[in-house]
């Protein structure tokens, strides 16, 4: 299950906190079809081709805005949870925006790792997402590389905020659904490390030894001022049992497996997201938020929040 993110250690720690480049080997026509298509984009930084599902802008042509939509911790290499679990393809049909959905990146936090990893290999996702893929989108799908936004869920909600904070001249809008943007805080940092470990990677290869290395550099909550003038969306639930009888221990329909998979993760995301929103506001940024007691760590909630963020944050940021 892609959404069963492995953050078991994060909840206890979080509670404690609170008490250009050569790009493509794919044969893509100069004027790309308006139909969704999967292309392969060569990443020189990673030395391999990355499959990307592209939902082209309805109008075709050039000067198109682009939304980069990232998958979660268990992202498969041959598809995306957005395509498997949501109606994202139908939702964006007819809209004047390119949507680029890269496959893979499981356990990577979509960042440039400091060292190659014996299991996960060479991870240079920041370079791919901010240089290599945008150049490909410009050459093949008419992206103007001026109007860009990025969004993600859980692991990649954290990543989207991190990338937008580090590249504010590239992204005009960003959305995080159930992310953990207090990256370097005690408890949350250990949860991130635990999730990387469960995917077979070594978190020391990613950002070094916490709290040194690149942990502070990649903590969105420490760089909120970079998002001044940008449109920001932050959402999370709190894993309330009232969301569904299956998550209520007092209910006859209680499902302890679903509870353990979806409730503690969302409760931790709720804590981290609220702390992050407070840091945004302290920096003079007024984000669109949807943080409520209801909601669990699952695609049906992320699908709804994507649509809400599109109309309230992403589309206005992109001017479409």
Foldseek 3Di string as FASTA:
>chain_A
DQLLFQLLLLLVFLVVVVCQDQWFPWDFDQQHDQDWDWGWIADPQQRGTWIKIKNAAQVGDAAFEEEEEEADQNFARPDGCCVVPAPVSVVRVNHRHMYIYIGDPHLPLQDQFQAAWPPPGGRHRLCCVLHRVVVVCCRRGRHPQQEYEYEYEASNLLSRLLSCLVCVRRYQEYEYELYQLQCQRTSNVVSSQRSSVVVVTGCCRGQHDPPDGCRLSRRSLNRLLSNVNGAYEYEAAQLACVQDVCLDPVHPNDDVVCNSRKHSSRNSSLSNRVSSCVSNVVSVHHYHYHYYNHDISDDVVVNVVVVVCCVVHRCVSRVD
